[in-house]
């Protein structure tokens, strides 16, 4: 299944689920804003349980789409950081190769 098709399917099912729960709660007599909040919470809970396979396909499609332009070097860098997250630590001072400007030593004395 293509990325676009998977996301359309997932989004359409989620929207239909929300609309159905909203209509049901509203017809039971809740105010519109309360029906919307309850529908959002209930449909989210249902979609987490029921739509997991569809969401997984959509997520895999999105990951494939994201990785389509990755180079071997960027994949290697990501693997290195996954193995050793301290490589991202930027708290160490960066040494500069630039020479000090003339007169800097006199200012320090």
C-alpha atoms as a PDB file:
ATOM      1  CA  UNK A   1       0.000   0.000   0.000  1.00  0.00           C
ATOM      2  CA  UNK A   2       1.374   3.393  -0.911  1.00  0.00           C
ATOM      3  CA  UNK A   3       2.141   6.006   1.724  1.00  0.00           C
ATOM      4  CA  UNK A   4      -0.539   8.343   0.499  1.00  0.00           C
ATOM      5  CA  UNK A   5      -3.198   5.629   0.379  1.00  0.00           C
ATOM      6  CA  UNK A   6      -2.322   4.370   3.872  1.00  0.00           C
ATOM      7  CA  UNK A   7      -2.562   7.858   5.375  1.00  0.00           C
ATOM      8  CA  UNK A   8      -5.817   8.627   3.569  1.00  0.00           C
ATOM      9  CA  UNK A   9      -7.319   5.369   4.799  1.00  0.00           C
ATOM     10  CA  UNK A  10      -6.162   5.933   8.384  1.00  0.00           C
ATOM     11  CA  UNK A  11      -7.314   9.563   8.434  1.00  0.00           C
ATOM     12  CA  UNK A  12     -10.689   8.768   6.870  1.00  0.00           C
ATOM     13  CA  UNK A  13     -11.393   5.969   9.333  1.00  0.00           C
ATOM     14  CA  UNK A  14     -10.388   8.184  12.282  1.00  0.00           C
ATOM     15  CA  UNK A  15     -12.619  11.019  11.062  1.00  0.00           C
ATOM     16  CA  UNK A  16     -15.559   8.664  10.478  1.00  0.00           C
ATOM     17  CA  UNK A  17     -15.078   7.164  13.924  1.00  0.00           C
ATOM     18  CA  UNK A  18     -15.066  10.628  15.505  1.00  0.00           C
ATOM     19  CA  UNK A  19     -18.179  11.671  13.555  1.00  0.00           C
ATOM     20  CA  UNK A  20     -20.044   8.523  14.553  1.00  0.00           C
ATOM     21  CA  UNK A  21     -19.218   8.835  18.236  1.00  0.00           C
ATOM     22  CA  UNK A  22     -19.995  12.580  18.154  1.00  0.00           C
ATOM     23  CA  UNK A  23     -23.412  11.950  16.592  1.00  0.00           C
ATOM     24  CA  UNK A  24     -24.197   9.228  19.120  1.00  0.00           C
ATOM     25  CA  UNK A  25     -23.191  11.316  22.149  1.00  0.00           C
ATOM     26  CA  UNK A  26     -24.977  14.405  20.804  1.00  0.00           C
ATOM     27  CA  UNK A  27     -28.171  12.426  20.179  1.00  0.00           C
ATOM     28  CA  UNK A  28     -28.019  11.200  23.746  1.00  0.00           C
ATOM     29  CA  UNK A  29     -28.494  14.814  24.823  1.00  0.00           C
ATOM     30  CA  UNK A  30     -25.005  16.161  25.491  1.00  0.00           C
ATOM     31  CA  UNK A  31     -24.158  19.734  24.541  1.00  0.00           C
ATOM     32  CA  UNK A  32     -22.196  20.057  21.305  1.00  0.00           C
ATOM     33  CA  UNK A  33     -18.889  20.988  22.967  1.00  0.00           C
ATOM     34  CA  UNK A  34     -19.181  18.165  25.484  1.00  0.00           C
ATOM     35  CA  UNK A  35     -20.086  15.758  22.698  1.00  0.00           C
ATOM     36  CA  UNK A  36     -17.000  16.901  20.772  1.00  0.00           C
ATOM     37  CA  UNK A  37     -14.680  16.403  23.745  1.00  0.00           C
ATOM     38  CA  UNK A  38     -16.125  13.007  24.588  1.00  0.00           C
ATOM     39  CA  UNK A  39     -16.064  11.950  20.935  1.00  0.00           C
ATOM     40  CA  UNK A  40     -12.415  12.953  20.661  1.00  0.00           C
ATOM     41  CA  UNK A  41     -11.444  10.959  23.749  1.00  0.00           C
ATOM     42  CA  UNK A  42     -13.563   7.905  22.943  1.00  0.00           C
ATOM     43  CA  UNK A  43     -12.592   7.772  19.269  1.00  0.00           C
ATOM     44  CA  UNK A  44      -8.916   8.183  20.178  1.00  0.00           C
ATOM     45  CA  UNK A  45      -9.108   5.249  22.595  1.00  0.00           C
ATOM     46  CA  UNK A  46     -10.923   3.074  20.063  1.00  0.00           C
ATOM     47  CA  UNK A  47      -8.528   3.976  17.263  1.00  0.00           C
ATOM     48  CA  UNK A  48      -5.481   3.122  19.380  1.00  0.00           C
ATOM     49  CA  UNK A  49      -6.848  -0.374  19.921  1.00  0.00           C
ATOM     50  CA  UNK A  50      -8.677  -1.092  16.670  1.00  0.00           C
ATOM     51  CA  UNK A  51      -6.671   0.841  14.074  1.00  0.00           C
ATOM     52  CA  UNK A  52      -3.215  -0.297  15.157  1.00  0.00           C
ATOM     53  CA  UNK A  53      -2.487  -2.327  11.971  1.00  0.00           C
ATOM     54  CA  UNK A  54      -3.612   0.531   9.721  1.00  0.00           C
ATOM     55  CA  UNK A  55      -1.583   3.049  11.722  1.00  0.00           C
ATOM     56  CA  UNK A  56       1.481   0.794  11.529  1.00  0.00           C
ATOM     57  CA  UNK A  57       1.211   0.572   7.737  1.00  0.00           C
ATOM     58  CA  UNK A  58       0.840   4.347   7.520  1.00  0.00           C
ATOM     59  CA  UNK A  59       3.849   4.876   9.813  1.00  0.00           C
ATOM     60  CA  UNK A  60       5.978   2.435   7.833  1.00  0.00           C
ATOM     61  CA  UNK A  61       5.001   4.192   4.624  1.00  0.00           C
ATOM     62  CA  UNK A  62       5.948   7.525   6.127  1.00  0.00           C
ATOM     63  CA  UNK A  63       9.294   6.142   7.289  1.00  0.00           C
ATOM     64  CA  UNK A  64       9.977   4.769   3.800  1.00  0.00           C
ATOM     65  CA  UNK A  65       9.083   8.142   2.302  1.00  0.00           C
ATOM     66  CA  UNK A  66      11.408   9.902   4.772  1.00  0.00           C
ATOM     67  CA  UNK A  67      14.283   7.529   4.018  1.00  0.00           C
ATOM     68  CA  UNK A  68      14.007   7.676   0.228  1.00  0.00           C
ATOM     69  CA  UNK A  69      16.733  10.343  -0.149  1.00  0.00           C
ATOM     70  CA  UNK A  70      19.031   9.195   2.661  1.00  0.00           C
ATOM     71  CA  UNK A  71      22.616   8.442   1.843  1.00  0.00           C
ATOM     72  CA  UNK A  72      24.684   5.604   3.226  1.00  0.00           C
ATOM     73  CA  UNK A  73      26.647   8.167   5.241  1.00  0.00           C
ATOM     74  CA  UNK A  74      23.578   9.589   6.994  1.00  0.00           C
ATOM     75  CA  UNK A  75      22.367   6.075   7.838  1.00  0.00           C
ATOM     76  CA  UNK A  76      25.801   5.281   9.340  1.00  0.00           C
ATOM     77  CA  UNK A  77      25.765   8.507  11.369  1.00  0.00           C
ATOM     78  CA  UNK A  78      22.327   7.685  12.761  1.00  0.00           C
ATOM     79  CA  UNK A  79      23.458   4.193  13.722  1.00  0.00           C
ATOM     80  CA  UNK A  80      26.544   5.603  15.475  1.00  0.00           C
ATOM     81  CA  UNK A  81      24.430   8.039  17.485  1.00  0.00           C
ATOM     82  CA  UNK A  82      21.970   5.269  18.365  1.00  0.00           C
ATOM     83  CA  UNK A  83      24.860   3.206  19.745  1.00  0.00           C
ATOM     84  CA  UNK A  84      26.535   6.115  21.584  1.00  0.00           C
ATOM     85  CA  UNK A  85      24.179   9.049  22.345  1.00  0.00           C
ATOM     86  CA  UNK A  86      27.046  10.959  23.975  1.00  0.00           C
ATOM     87  CA  UNK A  87      28.172  11.861  20.448  1.00  0.00           C
ATOM     88  CA  UNK A  88      25.392  14.448  20.508  1.00  0.00           C
ATOM     89  CA  UNK A  89      26.765  16.069  23.696  1.00  0.00           C
ATOM     90  CA  UNK A  90      27.810  19.569  22.748  1.00  0.00           C
ATOM     91  CA  UNK A  91      28.815  20.734  26.231  1.00  0.00           C
ATOM     92  CA  UNK A  92      32.530  20.382  25.466  1.00  0.00           C
ATOM     93  CA  UNK A  93      34.185  23.574  24.219  1.00  0.00           C
ATOM     94  CA  UNK A  94      34.942  23.699  20.532  1.00  0.00           C
ATOM     95  CA  UNK A  95      38.545  24.612  19.790  1.00  0.00           C
ATOM     96  CA  UNK A  96      38.978  27.289  17.202  1.00  0.00           C
ATOM     97  CA  UNK A  97      41.738  27.314  14.597  1.00  0.00           C
ATOM     98  CA  UNK A  98      41.503  31.084  14.232  1.00  0.00           C
ATOM     99  CA  UNK A  99      44.467  33.125  15.387  1.00  0.00           C
ATOM    100  CA  UNK A 100      43.910  35.761  18.014  1.00  0.00           C
ATOM    101  CA  UNK A 101      43.558  39.279  16.773  1.00  0.00           C
ATOM    102  CA  UNK A 102      46.527  41.606  17.315  1.00  0.00           C
ATOM    103  CA  UNK A 103      46.373  43.415  20.604  1.00  0.00           C
ATOM    104  CA  UNK A 104      44.389  40.730  22.427  1.00  0.00           C
ATOM    105  CA  UNK A 105      47.369  39.844  24.659  1.00  0.00           C
ATOM    106  CA  UNK A 106      47.788  43.467  25.716  1.00  0.00           C
ATOM    107  CA  UNK A 107      44.124  43.659  26.736  1.00  0.00           C
ATOM    108  CA  UNK A 108      44.527  40.678  29.032  1.00  0.00           C
ATOM    109  CA  UNK A 109      47.559  42.054  30.914  1.00  0.00           C
END
